Amino acid sequence: MVRADEQLSISLPNLTAQELAGNHYNFEYFMNRAYAFNRNKGKCRISGRKLRPQEVYIHRINPNLPLNKVNKVSNMATVHKDFHYLIHSQSDYSHLSVKIRNKIQGFRDKLVRNTDT
């Protein structure tokens, strides 16, 4: 079985080249992504399905926390890339099951609530 840190490894130079690196993409973020993935047993927190490496996105539940809290494992959720897109967009997801819709809306609500504070 492949270790989570190997599955989730993206080098900092690659992120920088893609202009994704910033103060939230620090050493703690890279280390804790694998811990969050392992905590979730490689499953999506929305659907409960096992994720393949190319499907994995680590979602920050509250991306507006200060740097010393934003990258804690407790603030990270392993989700399928399609659900991650739905969390951060206003796209319609009414075609999905009620259970999945409720989970996506729950993550969206946390984003809205946290940006209002």
PDB file of N, CA and C in Angstrom:
ATOM      1  N   MET A   1       0.836  -1.180   0.000  1.00  0.00           N
ATOM      2  CA  MET A   1       0.000   0.000   0.000  1.00  0.00           C
ATOM      3  C   MET A   1       0.887   1.253   0.000  1.00  0.00           C
ATOM      4  N   VAL A   2       0.528   2.216  -0.781  1.00  0.00           N
ATOM      5  CA  VAL A   2       1.297   3.453  -0.892  1.00  0.00           C
ATOM      6  C   VAL A   2       1.024   4.324   0.325  1.00  0.00           C
ATOM      7  N   ARG A   3       2.077   4.937   0.853  1.00  0.00           N
ATOM      8  CA  ARG A   3       1.902   5.849   1.985  1.00  0.00           C
ATOM      9  C   ARG A   3       1.206   7.115   1.506  1.00  0.00           C
ATOM     10  N   ALA A   4       0.404   7.697   2.387  1.00  0.00           N
ATOM     11  CA  ALA A   4      -0.355   8.892   2.025  1.00  0.00           C
ATOM     12  C   ALA A   4       0.555  10.051   1.669  1.00  0.00           C
ATOM     13  N   ASP A   5       1.681  10.203   2.379  1.00  0.00           N
ATOM     14  CA  ASP A   5       2.554  11.342   2.078  1.00  0.00           C
ATOM     15  C   ASP A   5       3.168  11.214   0.689  1.00  0.00           C
ATOM     16  N   GLU A   6       3.358   9.979   0.209  1.00  0.00           N
ATOM     17  CA  GLU A   6       3.859   9.786  -1.147  1.00  0.00           C
ATOM     18  C   GLU A   6       2.765  10.079  -2.169  1.00  0.00           C
ATOM     19  N   GLN A   7       1.532   9.688  -1.868  1.00  0.00           N
ATOM     20  CA  GLN A   7       0.410   9.942  -2.767  1.00  0.00           C
ATOM     21  C   GLN A   7       0.137  11.425  -2.908  1.00  0.00           C
ATOM     22  N   LEU A   8       0.281  12.162  -1.830  1.00  0.00           N
ATOM     23  CA  LEU A   8      -0.110  13.556  -1.808  1.00  0.00           C
ATOM     24  C   LEU A   8       1.044  14.509  -2.058  1.00  0.00           C
ATOM     25  N   SER A   9       2.213  13.974  -2.348  1.00  0.00           N
ATOM     26  CA  SER A   9       3.368  14.852  -2.470  1.00  0.00           C
ATOM     27  C   SER A   9       3.321  15.674  -3.753  1.00  0.00           C
ATOM     28  N   ILE A  10       3.422  16.963  -3.582  1.00  0.00           N
ATOM     29  CA  ILE A  10       3.590  17.920  -4.675  1.00  0.00           C
ATOM     30  C   ILE A  10       4.722  18.805  -4.204  1.00  0.00           C
ATOM     31  N   SER A  11       5.724  18.940  -5.022  1.00  0.00           N
ATOM     32  CA  SER A  11       6.880  19.704  -4.564  1.00  0.00           C
ATOM     33  C   SER A  11       6.554  21.197  -4.503  1.00  0.00           C
ATOM     34  N   LEU A  12       7.139  21.856  -3.546  1.00  0.00           N
ATOM     35  CA  LEU A  12       6.952  23.295  -3.394  1.00  0.00           C
ATOM     36  C   LEU A  12       7.380  24.052  -4.642  1.00  0.00           C
ATOM     37  N   PRO A  13       8.472  23.667  -5.324  1.00  0.00           N
ATOM     38  CA  PRO A  13       8.811  24.376  -6.562  1.00  0.00           C
ATOM     39  C   PRO A  13       7.702  24.298  -7.614  1.00  0.00           C
ATOM     40  N   ASN A  14       7.035  23.152  -7.718  1.00  0.00           N
ATOM     41  CA  ASN A  14       5.922  23.032  -8.670  1.00  0.00           C
ATOM     42  C   ASN A  14       4.772  23.941  -8.284  1.00  0.00           C
ATOM     43  N   LEU A  15       4.451  24.008  -7.002  1.00  0.00           N
ATOM     44  CA  LEU A  15       3.377  24.895  -6.551  1.00  0.00           C
ATOM     45  C   LEU A  15       3.726  26.350  -6.815  1.00  0.00           C
ATOM     46  N   THR A  16       4.963  26.696  -6.540  1.00  0.00           N
ATOM     47  CA  THR A  16       5.401  28.072  -6.770  1.00  0.00           C
ATOM     48  C   THR A  16       5.291  28.422  -8.244  1.00  0.00           C
ATOM     49  N   ALA A  17       5.694  27.506  -9.102  1.00  0.00           N
ATOM     50  CA  ALA A  17       5.611  27.745 -10.537  1.00  0.00           C
ATOM     51  C   ALA A  17       4.169  27.940 -10.977  1.00  0.00           C
ATOM     52  N   GLN A  18       3.232  27.284 -10.298  1.00  0.00           N
ATOM     53  CA  GLN A  18       1.822  27.414 -10.630  1.00  0.00           C
ATOM     54  C   GLN A  18       1.162  28.565  -9.876  1.00  0.00           C
ATOM     55  N   GLU A  19       1.960  29.324  -9.142  1.00  0.00           N
ATOM     56  CA  GLU A  19       1.497  30.456  -8.338  1.00  0.00           C
ATOM     57  C   GLU A  19       0.474  30.049  -7.294  1.00  0.00           C
ATOM     58  N   LEU A  20       0.606  28.817  -6.775  1.00  0.00           N
ATOM     59  CA  LEU A  20      -0.286  28.355  -5.722  1.00  0.00           C
ATOM     60  C   LEU A  20       0.349  28.495  -4.347  1.00  0.00           C
ATOM     61  N   ALA A  21       1.642  28.640  -4.318  1.00  0.00           N
ATOM     62  CA  ALA A  21       2.321  28.719  -3.034  1.00  0.00           C
ATOM     63  C   ALA A  21       2.095  30.091  -2.420  1.00  0.00           C
ATOM     64  N   GLY A  22       1.833  30.102  -1.183  1.00  0.00           N
ATOM     65  CA  GLY A  22       1.636  31.339  -0.451  1.00  0.00           C
ATOM     66  C   GLY A  22       1.880  31.056   1.004  1.00  0.00           C
ATOM     67  N   ASN A  23       1.554  31.987   1.830  1.00  0.00           N
ATOM     68  CA  ASN A  23       1.856  31.778   3.243  1.00  0.00           C
ATOM     69  C   ASN A  23       1.025  30.664   3.867  1.00  0.00           C
ATOM     70  N   HIS A  24      -0.088  30.256   3.254  1.00  0.00           N
ATOM     71  CA  HIS A  24      -0.858  29.136   3.796  1.00  0.00           C
ATOM     72  C   HIS A  24      -0.316  27.786   3.345  1.00  0.00           C
ATOM     73  N   TYR A  25       0.497  27.778   2.313  1.00  0.00           N
ATOM     74  CA  TYR A  25       1.098  26.543   1.831  1.00  0.00           C
ATOM     75  C   TYR A  25       2.487  26.409   2.434  1.00  0.00           C
ATOM     76  N   ASN A  26       2.517  26.121   3.719  1.00  0.00           N
ATOM     77  CA  ASN A  26       3.785  26.009   4.420  1.00  0.00           C
ATOM     78  C   ASN A  26       4.081  24.547   4.735  1.00  0.00           C
ATOM     79  N   PHE A  27       5.144  24.331   5.457  1.00  0.00           N
ATOM     80  CA  PHE A  27       5.570  22.978   5.807  1.00  0.00           C
ATOM     81  C   PHE A  27       4.474  22.231   6.550  1.00  0.00           C
ATOM     82  N   GLU A  28       3.803  22.906   7.467  1.00  0.00           N
ATOM     83  CA  GLU A  28       2.732  22.272   8.241  1.00  0.00           C
ATOM     84  C   GLU A  28       1.615  21.774   7.314  1.00  0.00           C
ATOM     85  N   TYR A  29       1.280  22.582   6.310  1.00  0.00           N
ATOM     86  CA  TYR A  29       0.245  22.169   5.352  1.00  0.00           C
ATOM     87  C   TYR A  29       0.635  20.868   4.660  1.00  0.00           C
ATOM     88  N   PHE A  30       1.857  20.786   4.148  1.00  0.00           N
ATOM     89  CA  PHE A  30       2.282  19.598   3.425  1.00  0.00           C
ATOM     90  C   PHE A  30       2.337  18.370   4.319  1.00  0.00           C
ATOM     91  N   MET A  31       2.756  18.538   5.551  1.00  0.00           N
ATOM     92  CA  MET A  31       2.809  17.411   6.483  1.00  0.00           C
ATOM     93  C   MET A  31       1.401  16.963   6.889  1.00  0.00           C
ATOM     94  N   ASN A  32       0.537  17.894   7.189  1.00  0.00           N
ATOM     95  CA  ASN A  32      -0.772  17.554   7.730  1.00  0.00           C
ATOM     96  C   ASN A  32      -1.765  17.064   6.685  1.00  0.00           C
ATOM     97  N   ARG A  33      -1.519  17.329   5.418  1.00  0.00           N
ATOM     98  CA  ARG A  33      -2.384  16.777   4.369  1.00  0.00           C
ATOM     99  C   ARG A  33      -2.416  15.259   4.462  1.00  0.00           C
ATOM    100  N   ALA A  34      -1.245  14.664   4.617  1.00  0.00           N
ATOM    101  CA  ALA A  34      -1.168  13.203   4.697  1.00  0.00           C
ATOM    102  C   ALA A  34      -1.848  12.689   5.961  1.00  0.00           C
ATOM    103  N   TYR A  35      -1.693  13.410   7.074  1.00  0.00           N
ATOM    104  CA  TYR A  35      -2.366  13.001   8.307  1.00  0.00           C
ATOM    105  C   TYR A  35      -3.879  13.070   8.148  1.00  0.00           C
ATOM    106  N   ALA A  36      -4.387  14.108   7.492  1.00  0.00           N
ATOM    107  CA  ALA A  36      -5.825  14.234   7.260  1.00  0.00           C
ATOM    108  C   ALA A  36      -6.317  13.099   6.357  1.00  0.00           C
ATOM    109  N   PHE A  37      -5.555  12.805   5.311  1.00  0.00           N
ATOM    110  CA  PHE A  37      -5.896  11.709   4.404  1.00  0.00           C
ATOM    111  C   PHE A  37      -5.959  10.390   5.161  1.00  0.00           C
ATOM    112  N   ASN A  38      -4.960  10.141   6.003  1.00  0.00           N
ATOM    113  CA  ASN A  38      -4.932   8.905   6.798  1.00  0.00           C
ATOM    114  C   ASN A  38      -6.078   8.875   7.809  1.00  0.00           C
ATOM    115  N   ARG A  39      -6.347  10.007   8.461  1.00  0.00           N
ATOM    116  CA  ARG A  39      -7.450  10.073   9.426  1.00  0.00           C
ATOM    117  C   ARG A  39      -8.764   9.708   8.754  1.00  0.00           C
ATOM    118  N   ASN A  40      -8.935  10.161   7.509  1.00  0.00           N
ATOM    119  CA  ASN A  40     -10.150   9.862   6.754  1.00  0.00           C
ATOM    120  C   ASN A  40     -10.085   8.514   6.029  1.00  0.00           C
ATOM    121  N   LYS A  41      -9.029   7.744   6.312  1.00  0.00           N
ATOM    122  CA  LYS A  41      -8.831   6.406   5.749  1.00  0.00           C
ATOM    123  C   LYS A  41      -8.887   6.395   4.229  1.00  0.00           C
ATOM    124  N   GLY A  42      -8.415   7.512   3.622  1.00  0.00           N
ATOM    125  CA  GLY A  42      -8.376   7.598   2.174  1.00  0.00           C
ATOM    126  C   GLY A  42      -9.737   7.761   1.538  1.00  0.00           C
ATOM    127  N   LYS A  43     -10.722   8.123   2.353  1.00  0.00           N
ATOM    128  CA  LYS A  43     -12.089   8.262   1.855  1.00  0.00           C
ATOM    129  C   LYS A  43     -12.509   9.728   1.823  1.00  0.00           C
ATOM    130  N   CYS A  44     -13.436  10.002   0.923  1.00  0.00           N
ATOM    131  CA  CYS A  44     -14.016  11.338   0.803  1.00  0.00           C
ATOM    132  C   CYS A  44     -14.929  11.596   1.993  1.00  0.00           C
ATOM    133  N   ARG A  45     -14.786  12.757   2.624  1.00  0.00           N
ATOM    134  CA  ARG A  45     -15.634  13.107   3.768  1.00  0.00           C
ATOM    135  C   ARG A  45     -17.069  13.400   3.342  1.00  0.00           C
ATOM    136  N   ILE A  46     -17.298  13.573   2.065  1.00  0.00           N
ATOM    137  CA  ILE A  46     -18.651  13.852   1.587  1.00  0.00           C
ATOM    138  C   ILE A  46     -19.361  12.571   1.159  1.00  0.00           C
ATOM    139  N   SER A  47     -18.709  11.774   0.334  1.00  0.00           N
ATOM    140  CA  SER A  47     -19.361  10.568  -0.197  1.00  0.00           C
ATOM    141  C   SER A  47     -19.024   9.297   0.571  1.00  0.00           C
ATOM    142  N   GLY A  48     -17.889   9.300   1.275  1.00  0.00           N
ATOM    143  CA  GLY A  48     -17.455   8.098   1.976  1.00  0.00           C
ATOM    144  C   GLY A  48     -16.735   7.097   1.086  1.00  0.00           C
ATOM    145  N   ARG A  49     -16.542   7.438  -0.179  1.00  0.00           N
ATOM    146  CA  ARG A  49     -15.881   6.532  -1.112  1.00  0.00           C
ATOM    147  C   ARG A  49     -14.373   6.661  -1.044  1.00  0.00           C
ATOM    148  N   LYS A  50     -13.687   5.542  -1.322  1.00  0.00           N
ATOM    149  CA  LYS A  50     -12.223   5.555  -1.422  1.00  0.00           C
ATOM    150  C   LYS A  50     -11.822   6.437  -2.589  1.00  0.00           C
ATOM    151  N   LEU A  51     -10.763   7.213  -2.388  1.00  0.00           N
ATOM    152  CA  LEU A  51     -10.303   8.140  -3.413  1.00  0.00           C
ATOM    153  C   LEU A  51      -9.027   7.638  -4.069  1.00  0.00           C
ATOM    154  N   ARG A  52      -8.946   7.819  -5.373  1.00  0.00           N
ATOM    155  CA  ARG A  52      -7.708   7.555  -6.100  1.00  0.00           C
ATOM    156  C   ARG A  52      -6.837   8.800  -5.978  1.00  0.00           C
ATOM    157  N   PRO A  53      -5.524   8.651  -6.098  1.00  0.00           N
ATOM    158  CA  PRO A  53      -4.625   9.796  -5.908  1.00  0.00           C
ATOM    159  C   PRO A  53      -4.992  11.026  -6.723  1.00  0.00           C
ATOM    160  N   GLN A  54      -5.414  10.863  -7.953  1.00  0.00           N
ATOM    161  CA  GLN A  54      -5.736  12.012  -8.801  1.00  0.00           C
ATOM    162  C   GLN A  54      -7.063  12.667  -8.429  1.00  0.00           C
ATOM    163  N   GLU A  55      -7.840  12.059  -7.533  1.00  0.00           N
ATOM    164  CA  GLU A  55      -9.128  12.609  -7.122  1.00  0.00           C
ATOM    165  C   GLU A  55      -9.054  13.384  -5.810  1.00  0.00           C
ATOM    166  N   VAL A  56      -7.955  13.250  -5.089  1.00  0.00           N
ATOM    167  CA  VAL A  56      -7.839  13.781  -3.733  1.00  0.00           C
ATOM    168  C   VAL A  56      -7.627  15.292  -3.710  1.00  0.00           C
ATOM    169  N   TYR A  57      -8.467  15.972  -2.960  1.00  0.00           N
ATOM    170  CA  TYR A  57      -8.262  17.381  -2.627  1.00  0.00           C
ATOM    171  C   TYR A  57      -8.365  17.499  -1.121  1.00  0.00           C
ATOM    172  N   ILE A  58      -7.475  18.271  -0.543  1.00  0.00           N
ATOM    173  CA  ILE A  58      -7.545  18.527   0.890  1.00  0.00           C
ATOM    174  C   ILE A  58      -8.195  19.891   1.046  1.00  0.00           C
ATOM    175  N   HIS A  59      -9.384  19.885   1.615  1.00  0.00           N
ATOM    176  CA  HIS A  59     -10.180  21.099   1.782  1.00  0.00           C
ATOM    177  C   HIS A  59      -9.928  21.682   3.167  1.00  0.00           C
ATOM    178  N   ARG A  60      -9.623  22.960   3.224  1.00  0.00           N
ATOM    179  CA  ARG A  60      -9.524  23.651   4.512  1.00  0.00           C
ATOM    180  C   ARG A  60     -10.937  24.078   4.900  1.00  0.00           C
ATOM    181  N   ILE A  61     -11.423  23.554   5.986  1.00  0.00           N
ATOM    182  CA  ILE A  61     -12.788  23.820   6.427  1.00  0.00           C
ATOM    183  C   ILE A  61     -12.994  25.305   6.666  1.00  0.00           C
ATOM    184  N   ASN A  62     -12.057  25.935   7.331  1.00  0.00           N
ATOM    185  CA  ASN A  62     -12.092  27.382   7.527  1.00  0.00           C
ATOM    186  C   ASN A  62     -10.770  27.957   7.019  1.00  0.00           C
ATOM    187  N   PRO A  63     -10.739  28.413   5.773  1.00  0.00           N
ATOM    188  CA  PRO A  63      -9.490  28.924   5.208  1.00  0.00           C
ATOM    189  C   PRO A  63      -9.098  30.296   5.740  1.00  0.00           C
ATOM    190  N   ASN A  64      -9.941  30.895   6.551  1.00  0.00           N
ATOM    191  CA  ASN A  64      -9.688  32.247   7.050  1.00  0.00           C
ATOM    192  C   ASN A  64      -9.064  32.273   8.444  1.00  0.00           C
ATOM    193  N   LEU A  65      -8.709  31.116   8.953  1.00  0.00           N
ATOM    194  CA  LEU A  65      -8.060  31.071  10.262  1.00  0.00           C
ATOM    195  C   LEU A  65      -6.657  31.659  10.167  1.00  0.00           C
ATOM    196  N   PRO A  66      -6.118  32.077  11.298  1.00  0.00           N
ATOM    197  CA  PRO A  66      -4.724  32.553  11.273  1.00  0.00           C
ATOM    198  C   PRO A  66      -3.774  31.414  10.899  1.00  0.00           C
ATOM    199  N   LEU A  67      -2.610  31.781  10.427  1.00  0.00           N
ATOM    200  CA  LEU A  67      -1.639  30.813   9.936  1.00  0.00           C
ATOM    201  C   LEU A  67      -1.332  29.703  10.945  1.00  0.00           C
ATOM    202  N   ASN A  68      -1.326  30.015  12.226  1.00  0.00           N
ATOM    203  CA  ASN A  68      -0.997  28.990  13.226  1.00  0.00           C
ATOM    204  C   ASN A  68      -2.150  28.009  13.458  1.00  0.00           C
ATOM    205  N   LYS A  69      -3.309  28.198  12.804  1.00  0.00           N
ATOM    206  CA  LYS A  69      -4.447  27.291  12.958  1.00  0.00           C
ATOM    207  C   LYS A  69      -4.975  26.739  11.641  1.00  0.00           C
ATOM    208  N   VAL A  70      -4.747  27.437  10.541  1.00  0.00           N
ATOM    209  CA  VAL A  70      -5.375  27.077   9.269  1.00  0.00           C
ATOM    210  C   VAL A  70      -4.942  25.719   8.743  1.00  0.00           C
ATOM    211  N   ASN A  71      -3.744  25.281   9.042  1.00  0.00           N
ATOM    212  CA  ASN A  71      -3.225  24.029   8.511  1.00  0.00           C
ATOM    213  C   ASN A  71      -3.215  22.896   9.519  1.00  0.00           C
ATOM    214  N   LYS A  72      -3.992  23.019  10.576  1.00  0.00           N
ATOM    215  CA  LYS A  72      -4.121  21.931  11.542  1.00  0.00           C
ATOM    216  C   LYS A  72      -4.956  20.814  10.921  1.00  0.00           C
ATOM    217  N   VAL A  73      -4.671  19.581  11.299  1.00  0.00           N
ATOM    218  CA  VAL A  73      -5.396  18.431  10.762  1.00  0.00           C
ATOM    219  C   VAL A  73      -6.898  18.578  11.004  1.00  0.00           C
ATOM    220  N   SER A  74      -7.267  19.114  12.145  1.00  0.00           N
ATOM    221  CA  SER A  74      -8.691  19.269  12.467  1.00  0.00           C
ATOM    222  C   SER A  74      -9.401  20.241  11.534  1.00  0.00           C
ATOM    223  N   ASN A  75      -8.664  21.067  10.805  1.00  0.00           N
ATOM    224  CA  ASN A  75      -9.246  22.020   9.860  1.00  0.00           C
ATOM    225  C   ASN A  75      -9.161  21.520   8.419  1.00  0.00           C
ATOM    226  N   MET A  76      -8.768  20.270   8.239  1.00  0.00           N
ATOM    227  CA  MET A  76      -8.618  19.719   6.893  1.00  0.00           C
ATOM    228  C   MET A  76      -9.568  18.556   6.691  1.00  0.00           C
ATOM    229  N   ALA A  77     -10.127  18.484   5.493  1.00  0.00           N
ATOM    230  CA  ALA A  77     -11.019  17.385   5.130  1.00  0.00           C
ATOM    231  C   ALA A  77     -10.601  16.855   3.759  1.00  0.00           C
ATOM    232  N   THR A  78     -10.533  15.553   3.645  1.00  0.00           N
ATOM    233  CA  THR A  78     -10.229  14.910   2.381  1.00  0.00           C
ATOM    234  C   THR A  78     -11.522  14.801   1.583  1.00  0.00           C
ATOM    235  N   VAL A  79     -11.533  15.392   0.387  1.00  0.00           N
ATOM    236  CA  VAL A  79     -12.736  15.340  -0.447  1.00  0.00           C
ATOM    237  C   VAL A  79     -12.373  15.043  -1.898  1.00  0.00           C
ATOM    238  N   HIS A  80     -13.325  14.538  -2.634  1.00  0.00           N
ATOM    239  CA  HIS A  80     -13.154  14.317  -4.069  1.00  0.00           C
ATOM    240  C   HIS A  80     -13.041  15.672  -4.750  1.00  0.00           C
ATOM    241  N   LYS A  81     -12.219  15.755  -5.773  1.00  0.00           N
ATOM    242  CA  LYS A  81     -11.975  17.030  -6.449  1.00  0.00           C
ATOM    243  C   LYS A  81     -13.260  17.659  -6.982  1.00  0.00           C
ATOM    244  N   ASP A  82     -14.206  16.855  -7.449  1.00  0.00           N
ATOM    245  CA  ASP A  82     -15.472  17.407  -7.955  1.00  0.00           C
ATOM    246  C   ASP A  82     -16.292  18.045  -6.840  1.00  0.00           C
ATOM    247  N   PHE A  83     -16.290  17.421  -5.669  1.00  0.00           N
ATOM    248  CA  PHE A  83     -17.008  17.996  -4.539  1.00  0.00           C
ATOM    249  C   PHE A  83     -16.311  19.258  -4.045  1.00  0.00           C
ATOM    250  N   HIS A  84     -14.975  19.263  -4.119  1.00  0.00           N
ATOM    251  CA  HIS A  84     -14.230  20.456  -3.711  1.00  0.00           C
ATOM    252  C   HIS A  84     -14.627  21.642  -4.585  1.00  0.00           C
ATOM    253  N   TYR A  85     -14.761  21.396  -5.864  1.00  0.00           N
ATOM    254  CA  TYR A  85     -15.217  22.444  -6.777  1.00  0.00           C
ATOM    255  C   TYR A  85     -16.610  22.932  -6.363  1.00  0.00           C
ATOM    256  N   LEU A  86     -17.508  22.015  -6.055  1.00  0.00           N
ATOM    257  CA  LEU A  86     -18.871  22.400  -5.675  1.00  0.00           C
ATOM    258  C   LEU A  86     -18.907  23.188  -4.366  1.00  0.00           C
ATOM    259  N   ILE A  87     -18.021  22.863  -3.435  1.00  0.00           N
ATOM    260  CA  ILE A  87     -17.961  23.595  -2.168  1.00  0.00           C
ATOM    261  C   ILE A  87     -17.614  25.058  -2.437  1.00  0.00           C
ATOM    262  N   HIS A  88     -16.662  25.288  -3.325  1.00  0.00           N
ATOM    263  CA  HIS A  88     -16.151  26.641  -3.545  1.00  0.00           C
ATOM    264  C   HIS A  88     -16.842  27.404  -4.681  1.00  0.00           C
ATOM    265  N   SER A  89     -17.846  26.809  -5.277  1.00  0.00           N
ATOM    266  CA  SER A  89     -18.552  27.491  -6.361  1.00  0.00           C
ATOM    267  C   SER A  89     -20.024  27.634  -5.978  1.00  0.00           C
ATOM    268  N   GLN A  90     -20.758  28.270  -6.819  1.00  0.00           N
ATOM    269  CA  GLN A  90     -22.204  28.374  -6.625  1.00  0.00           C
ATOM    270  C   GLN A  90     -22.934  27.462  -7.610  1.00  0.00           C
ATOM    271  N   SER A  91     -22.224  26.476  -8.114  1.00  0.00           N
ATOM    272  CA  SER A  91     -22.806  25.551  -9.088  1.00  0.00           C
ATOM    273  C   SER A  91     -23.935  24.745  -8.463  1.00  0.00           C
ATOM    274  N   ASP A  92     -24.883  24.392  -9.306  1.00  0.00           N
ATOM    275  CA  ASP A  92     -26.033  23.598  -8.879  1.00  0.00           C
ATOM    276  C   ASP A  92     -25.597  22.169  -8.588  1.00  0.00           C
ATOM    277  N   TYR A  93     -26.093  21.616  -7.504  1.00  0.00           N
ATOM    278  CA  TYR A  93     -25.799  20.225  -7.170  1.00  0.00           C
ATOM    279  C   TYR A  93     -27.081  19.496  -6.773  1.00  0.00           C
ATOM    280  N   SER A  94     -28.205  19.975  -7.270  1.00  0.00           N
ATOM    281  CA  SER A  94     -29.498  19.395  -6.914  1.00  0.00           C
ATOM    282  C   SER A  94     -29.670  17.969  -7.438  1.00  0.00           C
ATOM    283  N   HIS A  95     -28.868  17.560  -8.413  1.00  0.00           N
ATOM    284  CA  HIS A  95     -28.948  16.220  -8.967  1.00  0.00           C
ATOM    285  C   HIS A  95     -28.321  15.169  -8.048  1.00  0.00           C
ATOM    286  N   LEU A  96     -27.606  15.610  -7.022  1.00  0.00           N
ATOM    287  CA  LEU A  96     -26.947  14.685  -6.098  1.00  0.00           C
ATOM    288  C   LEU A  96     -27.907  14.247  -5.002  1.00  0.00           C
ATOM    289  N   SER A  97     -27.560  13.189  -4.305  1.00  0.00           N
ATOM    290  CA  SER A  97     -28.413  12.690  -3.224  1.00  0.00           C
ATOM    291  C   SER A  97     -28.528  13.725  -2.104  1.00  0.00           C
ATOM    292  N   VAL A  98     -29.572  13.620  -1.332  1.00  0.00           N
ATOM    293  CA  VAL A  98     -29.808  14.560  -0.229  1.00  0.00           C
ATOM    294  C   VAL A  98     -28.645  14.531   0.753  1.00  0.00           C
ATOM    295  N   LYS A  99     -28.143  13.358   1.052  1.00  0.00           N
ATOM    296  CA  LYS A  99     -27.029  13.225   1.997  1.00  0.00           C
ATOM    297  C   LYS A  99     -25.806  14.007   1.512  1.00  0.00           C
ATOM    298  N   ILE A 100     -25.460  13.848   0.258  1.00  0.00           N
ATOM    299  CA  ILE A 100     -24.289  14.530  -0.309  1.00  0.00           C
ATOM    300  C   ILE A 100     -24.550  16.032  -0.399  1.00  0.00           C
ATOM    301  N   ARG A 101     -25.752  16.419  -0.821  1.00  0.00           N
ATOM    302  CA  ARG A 101     -26.097  17.849  -0.885  1.00  0.00           C
ATOM    303  C   ARG A 101     -25.957  18.497   0.484  1.00  0.00           C
ATOM    304  N   ASN A 102     -26.419  17.821   1.515  1.00  0.00           N
ATOM    305  CA  ASN A 102     -26.334  18.373   2.874  1.00  0.00           C
ATOM    306  C   ASN A 102     -24.892  18.553   3.321  1.00  0.00           C
ATOM    307  N   LYS A 103     -24.040  17.610   2.978  1.00  0.00           N
ATOM    308  CA  LYS A 103     -22.633  17.725   3.364  1.00  0.00           C
ATOM    309  C   LYS A 103     -21.946  18.860   2.604  1.00  0.00           C
ATOM    310  N   ILE A 104     -22.214  18.974   1.315  1.00  0.00           N
ATOM    311  CA  ILE A 104     -21.636  20.073   0.536  1.00  0.00           C
ATOM    312  C   ILE A 104     -22.115  21.404   1.093  1.00  0.00           C
ATOM    313  N   GLN A 105     -23.420  21.506   1.370  1.00  0.00           N
ATOM    314  CA  GLN A 105     -23.958  22.746   1.914  1.00  0.00           C
ATOM    315  C   GLN A 105     -23.364  23.054   3.276  1.00  0.00           C
ATOM    316  N   GLY A 106     -23.117  22.038   4.073  1.00  0.00           N
ATOM    317  CA  GLY A 106     -22.485  22.241   5.374  1.00  0.00           C
ATOM    318  C   GLY A 106     -21.104  22.860   5.242  1.00  0.00           C
ATOM    319  N   PHE A 107     -20.319  22.363   4.292  1.00  0.00           N
ATOM    320  CA  PHE A 107     -18.994  22.959   4.048  1.00  0.00           C
ATOM    321  C   PHE A 107     -19.126  24.372   3.495  1.00  0.00           C
ATOM    322  N   ARG A 108     -20.096  24.604   2.601  1.00  0.00           N
ATOM    323  CA  ARG A 108     -20.311  25.955   2.075  1.00  0.00           C
ATOM    324  C   ARG A 108     -20.702  26.918   3.188  1.00  0.00           C
ATOM    325  N   ASP A 109     -21.584  26.470   4.067  1.00  0.00           N
ATOM    326  CA  ASP A 109     -22.031  27.325   5.175  1.00  0.00           C
ATOM    327  C   ASP A 109     -20.865  27.734   6.069  1.00  0.00           C
ATOM    328  N   LYS A 110     -19.946  26.813   6.307  1.00  0.00           N
ATOM    329  CA  LYS A 110     -18.788  27.119   7.134  1.00  0.00           C
ATOM    330  C   LYS A 110     -17.898  28.159   6.459  1.00  0.00           C
ATOM    331  N   LEU A 111     -17.793  28.087   5.135  1.00  0.00           N
ATOM    332  CA  LEU A 111     -17.007  29.085   4.412  1.00  0.00           C
ATOM    333  C   LEU A 111     -17.649  30.453   4.531  1.00  0.00           C
ATOM    334  N   VAL A 112     -18.956  30.541   4.333  1.00  0.00           N
ATOM    335  CA  VAL A 112     -19.686  31.815   4.395  1.00  0.00           C
ATOM    336  C   VAL A 112     -19.642  32.371   5.800  1.00  0.00           C
ATOM    337  N   ARG A 113     -19.943  31.541   6.774  1.00  0.00           N
ATOM    338  CA  ARG A 113     -19.961  31.978   8.163  1.00  0.00           C
ATOM    339  C   ARG A 113     -18.582  32.480   8.581  1.00  0.00           C
ATOM    340  N   ASN A 114     -17.549  31.770   8.123  1.00  0.00           N
ATOM    341  CA  ASN A 114     -16.203  32.143   8.529  1.00  0.00           C
ATOM    342  C   ASN A 114     -15.700  33.396   7.825  1.00  0.00           C
ATOM    343  N   THR A 115     -16.220  33.719   6.662  1.00  0.00           N
ATOM    344  CA  THR A 115     -15.792  34.945   5.998  1.00  0.00           C
ATOM    345  C   THR A 115     -16.515  36.152   6.544  1.00  0.00           C
ATOM    346  N   ASP A 116     -17.647  35.924   7.228  1.00  0.00           N
ATOM    347  CA  ASP A 116     -18.403  37.021   7.823  1.00  0.00           C
ATOM    348  C   ASP A 116     -17.844  37.475   9.161  1.00  0.00           C
ATOM    349  N   THR A 117     -17.006  36.662   9.766  1.00  0.00           N
ATOM    350  CA  THR A 117     -16.483  37.000  11.100  1.00  0.00           C
ATOM    351  C   THR A 117     -15.272  37.886  11.022  1.00  0.00           C
TER     352      THR A 117
END
